[in-house]
C-alpha cells in the first residue's frame, strides 16, 4: 500500500522571507536616516554647548554638559545676554541688537522685493510666450538661473565702484537691492513651477467673467500660489540672512549684519569660541523657529509640480 506524503507548501516560507527582508531594509533605512540626522544636527549641538563653555572646556573638547563640563554663561555674558547682565547697560548687547535689526530689515526687505518682482516675471513666463532674439521662455528662465553660476568675487569690484558712485556704501538700501538680485532667480524658478501647476483654464474663466490679466493674476491665481510664495520667501530670507561676502565688503559701521559680527570675534588674542558660539546660536535661532513652524509650507511649495 503506497503512502503519499505532501510537501509543506513553500508559500509560508516565502512570506516569512519577504517579511524579514522588509524588516531588514526598514532597519537599514532608519539607521541611515538617524546617522544623517546626527551628522546634520551635531554642528548645531556643538555650537550651542560651546556657548556655555569656558576656555579650558573648549580646548579639551568636552561635549556633554554636567558630565564633561559645568555650563557657564561666559559666552552669553560677553554679549550682555546672560541672566545676570541682560537688564543692565551693555555695549555688546546694543551692538548685537543693531546687527540683528540690520539682518532682519535687509533679509525681509530683499525677500519681499524679490517675491514681488519674481512673481510677476514667473507669471509672465508661465502664461505667455516671449521671443527675444533667439531666446524663448525656457531660454529666458535659464538666463535668470545662470546668474547663480557667477562667483560673487567677480562682482566685488564693479559693485564697490557702483555703490560708491551712488552713495550706497554702508546702507541698508544697498544691501536690500543687492540681496534682491541674488535671490531673484530662485524666486522666479520656484514661482514659475507654482504657476505651471495651476490650470490655465482658471485664467480663461476669469477672462470670460470680465477680469483683466492683472485682475485674474491678483484675484484668482495669486491666492492659489500662496504655498509657493511662502517657500520662496522663506528660502530667500535664509539665503539673505546667511550672506557674508557682500555684507563685509559693502558695509563698515551702520549696516553691518550678524554674519559680519560673527566673523569679527577673531582677534589678535585668538578666537573667542564661547562668544562666537553664543552669537551664532542667537543668529540661527530665528531660522530654526521659522523652519519648525513653517516646514509644511516649505515642503509643499518646493515639491509643487514634482508629480508631473
Protein backbone atom coordinates (compact mmCIF):
# COMPACT_ATOMS: atom_id res chain seq x y z
CA UNK A 1 0.00 0.00 0.00
CA UNK A 2 1.52 3.27 -1.15
CA UNK A 3 1.60 6.17 1.26
CA UNK A 4 1.63 9.63 -0.28
CA UNK A 5 3.13 12.48 1.73
CA UNK A 6 2.65 16.03 0.58
CA UNK A 7 5.49 18.50 1.00
CA UNK A 8 4.87 21.63 3.06
CA UNK A 9 3.76 24.47 0.83
CA UNK A 10 6.57 26.97 0.18
CA UNK A 11 4.16 29.89 0.41
CA UNK A 12 4.61 30.32 4.17
CA UNK A 13 8.42 30.20 3.90
CA UNK A 14 8.42 32.73 1.06
CA UNK A 15 6.15 35.05 3.02
CA UNK A 16 8.42 34.85 6.10
CA UNK A 17 11.50 35.51 3.99
CA UNK A 18 9.94 38.56 2.30
CA UNK A 19 8.83 39.89 5.69
CA UNK A 20 12.34 39.52 7.08
CA UNK A 21 13.70 41.32 4.02
CA UNK A 22 11.28 44.21 4.52
CA UNK A 23 12.19 44.48 8.21
CA UNK A 24 15.90 44.45 7.40
CA UNK A 25 15.54 47.09 4.69
CA UNK A 26 13.48 49.27 7.03
CA UNK A 27 16.10 48.94 9.77
CA UNK A 28 18.85 49.93 7.33
CA UNK A 29 16.87 52.92 6.06
CA UNK A 30 16.09 54.22 9.55
CA UNK A 31 19.69 53.65 10.62
CA UNK A 32 20.93 55.68 7.66
CA UNK A 33 18.41 58.45 8.41
CA UNK A 34 19.41 58.55 12.08
CA UNK A 35 23.08 58.72 11.13
CA UNK A 36 22.43 61.54 8.67
CA UNK A 37 20.33 63.41 11.24
CA UNK A 38 23.21 63.10 13.71
CA UNK A 39 25.68 64.42 11.11
CA UNK A 40 23.41 67.39 10.34
CA UNK A 41 22.46 68.27 13.91
CA UNK A 42 25.81 67.73 15.63
CA UNK A 43 27.31 71.10 14.47
CA UNK A 44 24.28 72.87 15.94
CA UNK A 45 24.64 70.92 19.18
CA UNK A 46 28.36 71.71 19.31
CA UNK A 47 27.69 75.42 18.74
CA UNK A 48 25.00 75.62 21.42
CA UNK A 49 27.06 73.76 24.03
CA UNK A 50 30.20 75.75 23.23
CA UNK A 51 28.36 78.95 24.12
CA UNK A 52 28.19 77.61 27.71
CA UNK A 53 31.85 76.52 27.94
CA UNK A 54 34.91 78.12 29.41
CA UNK A 55 38.23 78.36 27.58
CA UNK A 56 39.54 75.17 29.20
CA UNK A 57 36.44 73.18 28.24
CA UNK A 58 36.69 74.38 24.64
CA UNK A 59 40.34 73.38 24.25
CA UNK A 60 39.80 69.96 25.84
CA UNK A 61 36.83 69.18 23.59
CA UNK A 62 34.26 68.46 26.29
CA UNK A 63 30.85 67.74 24.76
CA UNK A 64 28.27 66.65 27.33
CA UNK A 65 27.04 69.30 29.82
CA UNK A 66 27.10 68.43 33.53
CA UNK A 67 29.12 65.29 32.72
CA UNK A 68 32.18 66.58 30.87
CA UNK A 69 31.89 70.22 31.95
CA UNK A 70 29.86 72.56 34.10
CA UNK A 71 27.85 75.02 31.94
CA UNK A 72 28.76 78.68 32.32
CA UNK A 73 27.21 81.86 30.92
CA UNK A 74 30.58 83.23 29.79
CA UNK A 75 29.73 83.35 26.09
CA UNK A 76 26.32 84.96 26.64
CA UNK A 77 27.76 87.35 29.24
CA UNK A 78 30.18 88.69 26.61
CA UNK A 79 27.13 89.69 24.54
CA UNK A 80 25.21 91.11 27.50
CA UNK A 81 22.56 88.39 27.14
CA UNK A 82 23.20 86.35 30.28
CA UNK A 83 20.62 86.37 33.12
CA UNK A 84 22.90 88.50 35.32
CA UNK A 85 23.62 91.13 32.64
CA UNK A 86 20.56 91.31 30.40
CA UNK A 87 18.85 94.02 32.48
CA UNK A 88 21.94 96.20 32.75
CA UNK A 89 23.62 98.51 30.29
CA UNK A 90 25.78 96.66 27.77
CA UNK A 91 27.62 98.00 24.73
CA UNK A 92 27.98 94.49 23.33
CA UNK A 93 24.23 93.89 23.57
CA UNK A 94 23.49 97.21 21.89
CA UNK A 95 25.81 96.27 19.02
CA UNK A 96 24.22 92.83 18.76
CA UNK A 97 20.71 94.29 18.60
CA UNK A 98 21.83 96.76 15.93
CA UNK A 99 23.32 93.98 13.77
CA UNK A 100 20.27 91.80 14.43
CA UNK A 101 17.98 94.58 13.28
CA UNK A 102 20.07 95.14 10.16
CA UNK A 103 19.83 91.45 9.30
CA UNK A 104 16.05 91.43 9.73
CA UNK A 105 15.50 94.59 7.70
CA UNK A 106 17.79 93.62 4.82
CA UNK A 107 16.67 89.97 4.66
CA UNK A 108 12.94 90.60 4.89
CA UNK A 109 13.08 93.70 2.67
CA UNK A 110 15.05 91.95 -0.06
CA UNK A 111 12.84 88.85 0.12
CA UNK A 112 9.63 90.87 -0.23
CA UNK A 113 11.02 92.85 -3.16
CA UNK A 114 12.32 89.68 -4.84
CA UNK A 115 8.96 87.96 -4.27
CA UNK A 116 7.04 90.81 -5.91
CA UNK A 117 9.34 91.04 -8.96
CA UNK A 118 9.85 87.29 -9.20
CA UNK A 119 6.13 86.50 -9.07
CA UNK A 120 5.40 88.91 -11.91
CA UNK A 121 8.24 87.51 -14.02
CA UNK A 122 7.29 83.92 -13.26
CA UNK A 123 3.63 84.50 -14.15
CA UNK A 124 4.66 86.00 -17.49
CA UNK A 125 6.96 83.06 -18.25
CA UNK A 126 4.21 80.62 -17.30
CA UNK A 127 1.26 82.13 -19.16
CA UNK A 128 2.71 84.00 -22.14
CA UNK A 129 5.12 83.19 -24.94
CA UNK A 130 8.08 85.50 -25.43
CA UNK A 131 10.66 85.82 -28.16
CA UNK A 132 13.79 87.86 -27.60
CA UNK A 133 16.29 87.30 -30.43
CA UNK A 134 16.85 83.52 -30.33
CA UNK A 135 15.61 83.22 -26.75
CA UNK A 136 12.27 81.69 -25.81
CA UNK A 137 10.66 81.22 -22.40
CA UNK A 138 12.90 78.34 -21.32
CA UNK A 139 15.97 80.22 -22.53
CA UNK A 140 14.96 83.30 -20.55
CA UNK A 141 14.45 81.18 -17.44
CA UNK A 142 17.87 79.59 -17.96
CA UNK A 143 19.37 83.07 -18.32
CA UNK A 144 17.97 84.02 -14.92
CA UNK A 145 19.20 80.81 -13.30
CA UNK A 146 22.64 81.14 -14.90
CA UNK A 147 23.25 84.23 -12.79
CA UNK A 148 23.73 81.89 -9.83
CA UNK A 149 26.77 80.35 -11.50
CA UNK A 150 28.71 83.61 -11.44
CA UNK A 151 31.09 83.71 -8.41
CA UNK A 152 30.37 86.65 -6.09
CA UNK A 153 34.03 87.68 -6.06
CA UNK A 154 33.77 88.54 -9.77
CA UNK A 155 31.16 91.18 -8.94
CA UNK A 156 33.05 92.63 -5.97
CA UNK A 157 34.92 95.45 -7.73
CA UNK A 158 32.03 96.53 -10.05
CA UNK A 159 29.59 96.74 -7.15
CA UNK A 160 32.12 98.54 -4.98
CA UNK A 161 32.68 101.21 -7.64
CA UNK A 162 28.97 101.47 -8.47
CA UNK A 163 27.86 101.74 -4.83
CA UNK A 164 30.50 104.36 -4.13
CA UNK A 165 29.23 106.46 -7.05
CA UNK A 166 25.61 106.07 -5.91
CA UNK A 167 26.42 106.67 -2.20
CA UNK A 168 25.02 103.26 -1.28
CA UNK A 169 28.04 102.02 0.67
CA UNK A 170 27.26 101.05 4.26
CA UNK A 171 23.50 101.45 3.75
CA UNK A 172 20.65 99.03 4.29
CA UNK A 173 19.12 100.03 0.96
CA UNK A 174 22.28 98.98 -0.84
CA UNK A 175 22.21 95.54 0.75
CA UNK A 176 18.48 95.15 0.05
CA UNK A 177 18.96 95.88 -3.66
CA UNK A 178 21.94 93.55 -3.91
CA UNK A 179 20.26 90.73 -2.00
CA UNK A 180 17.21 91.11 -4.23
CA UNK A 181 19.35 90.45 -7.28
CA UNK A 182 20.92 87.48 -5.52
CA UNK A 183 17.71 85.60 -4.67
CA UNK A 184 15.57 86.75 -7.61
CA UNK A 185 16.48 83.78 -9.88
CA UNK A 186 15.47 81.30 -7.19
CA UNK A 187 12.15 83.07 -6.63
CA UNK A 188 11.41 83.06 -10.37
CA UNK A 189 12.23 79.35 -10.60
CA UNK A 190 10.01 78.37 -7.66
CA UNK A 191 7.10 80.60 -8.66
CA UNK A 192 7.16 79.50 -12.31
CA UNK A 193 6.71 75.88 -11.22
CA UNK A 194 3.95 77.02 -8.88
CA UNK A 195 2.08 78.87 -11.64
CA UNK A 196 2.57 75.95 -14.06
CA UNK A 197 0.77 73.69 -11.59
CA UNK A 198 -2.32 75.95 -11.67
CA UNK A 199 -4.60 75.16 -14.65
CA UNK A 200 -4.73 77.76 -17.41
CA UNK A 201 -8.49 77.23 -17.55
CA UNK A 202 -8.80 79.32 -14.40
CA UNK A 203 -7.30 82.30 -16.23
CA UNK A 204 -9.60 81.75 -19.18
CA UNK A 205 -12.64 81.53 -16.91
CA UNK A 206 -11.60 84.79 -15.25
CA UNK A 207 -11.30 86.47 -18.64
CA UNK A 208 -14.79 85.27 -19.58
CA UNK A 209 -16.11 86.81 -16.35
CA UNK A 210 -14.67 90.15 -17.42
CA UNK A 211 -11.44 90.27 -15.44
CA UNK A 212 -8.30 91.68 -16.99
CA UNK A 213 -4.92 89.96 -16.91
CA UNK A 214 -4.00 91.84 -13.75
CA UNK A 215 -7.38 91.04 -12.20
CA UNK A 216 -7.01 87.32 -12.92
CA UNK A 217 -3.47 87.38 -11.54
CA UNK A 218 -4.25 89.15 -8.26
CA UNK A 219 -7.74 87.77 -7.55
CA UNK A 220 -7.57 84.20 -8.87
CA UNK A 221 -4.04 82.92 -9.46
CA UNK A 222 -2.05 84.61 -6.70
CA UNK A 223 -4.19 83.28 -3.80
CA UNK A 224 -3.71 79.75 -5.15
CA UNK A 225 0.08 80.24 -5.28
CA UNK A 226 0.46 81.02 -1.56
CA UNK A 227 2.42 77.79 -0.75
CA UNK A 228 4.99 78.56 -3.42
CA UNK A 229 5.20 82.19 -2.31
CA UNK A 230 5.77 81.11 1.29
CA UNK A 231 8.51 78.67 0.26
CA UNK A 232 10.22 81.24 -1.96
CA UNK A 233 10.01 83.91 0.75
CA UNK A 234 11.42 81.66 3.49
CA UNK A 235 14.24 80.39 1.29
CA UNK A 236 15.10 83.96 0.28
CA UNK A 237 15.18 85.09 3.91
CA UNK A 238 17.52 82.24 4.83
CA UNK A 239 19.90 82.98 1.95
CA UNK A 240 19.95 86.72 2.69
CA UNK A 241 20.31 86.16 6.43
CA UNK A 242 23.43 84.00 5.95
CA UNK A 243 25.10 86.15 3.28
CA UNK A 244 28.54 87.32 4.39
CA UNK A 245 30.72 88.32 1.43
CA UNK A 246 28.89 91.42 0.21
CA UNK A 247 27.87 92.42 3.74
CA UNK A 248 31.54 92.51 4.74
CA UNK A 249 32.60 94.22 1.51
CA UNK A 250 29.98 96.95 1.21
CA UNK A 251 29.41 97.85 4.87
CA UNK A 252 31.64 99.27 7.56
CA UNK A 253 29.65 100.54 10.55
CA UNK A 254 25.95 101.33 10.17
CA UNK A 255 24.67 98.46 8.01
CA UNK A 256 26.74 95.52 9.24
CA UNK A 257 24.81 92.27 9.68
CA UNK A 258 25.11 89.32 12.03
CA UNK A 259 27.42 87.17 9.84
CA UNK A 260 29.94 90.01 9.79
CA UNK A 261 29.69 90.35 13.56
CA UNK A 262 30.26 86.60 14.00
CA UNK A 263 33.43 86.77 11.89
CA UNK A 264 34.68 89.75 13.91
CA UNK A 265 35.03 87.58 17.03
CA UNK A 266 38.50 86.63 15.80
CA UNK A 267 41.00 88.97 17.43
CA UNK A 268 44.75 89.32 17.98
CA UNK A 269 44.49 87.09 21.06
CA UNK A 270 42.83 84.29 19.07
CA UNK A 271 39.24 83.23 18.58
CA UNK A 272 36.74 83.75 21.38
CA UNK A 273 34.96 80.47 20.75
CA UNK A 274 32.40 80.95 23.52
CA UNK A 275 31.41 84.41 22.26
CA UNK A 276 31.30 83.26 18.65
CA UNK A 277 29.19 80.23 19.62
CA UNK A 278 26.75 82.35 21.63
CA UNK A 279 26.45 84.84 18.78
CA UNK A 280 25.98 82.04 16.24
CA UNK A 281 23.30 80.43 18.41
CA UNK A 282 21.42 83.71 18.67
CA UNK A 283 21.78 84.19 14.90
CA UNK A 284 20.43 80.78 13.87
CA UNK A 285 17.61 80.69 16.44
CA UNK A 286 15.16 82.72 14.27
CA UNK A 287 15.84 80.47 11.27
CA UNK A 288 15.25 77.34 13.34
CA UNK A 289 11.94 78.73 14.63
CA UNK A 290 10.85 79.64 11.10
CA UNK A 291 11.84 76.21 9.79
CA UNK A 292 9.96 74.35 12.54
CA UNK A 293 6.68 76.27 12.30
CA UNK A 294 6.59 76.81 8.52
CA UNK A 295 8.08 73.49 7.40
CA UNK A 296 4.87 72.35 5.69
CA UNK A 297 4.78 75.48 3.53
CA UNK A 298 8.40 74.95 2.50
CA UNK A 299 7.85 71.31 1.53
CA UNK A 300 4.55 71.94 -0.31
CA UNK A 301 5.98 74.91 -2.16
CA UNK A 302 9.22 73.26 -3.24
CA UNK A 303 7.55 70.00 -4.33
CA UNK A 304 4.87 71.66 -6.46
CA UNK A 305 4.81 70.12 -9.89
CA UNK A 306 7.08 67.23 -8.89
CA UNK A 307 4.37 64.71 -9.73
CA UNK A 308 4.01 65.84 -13.32
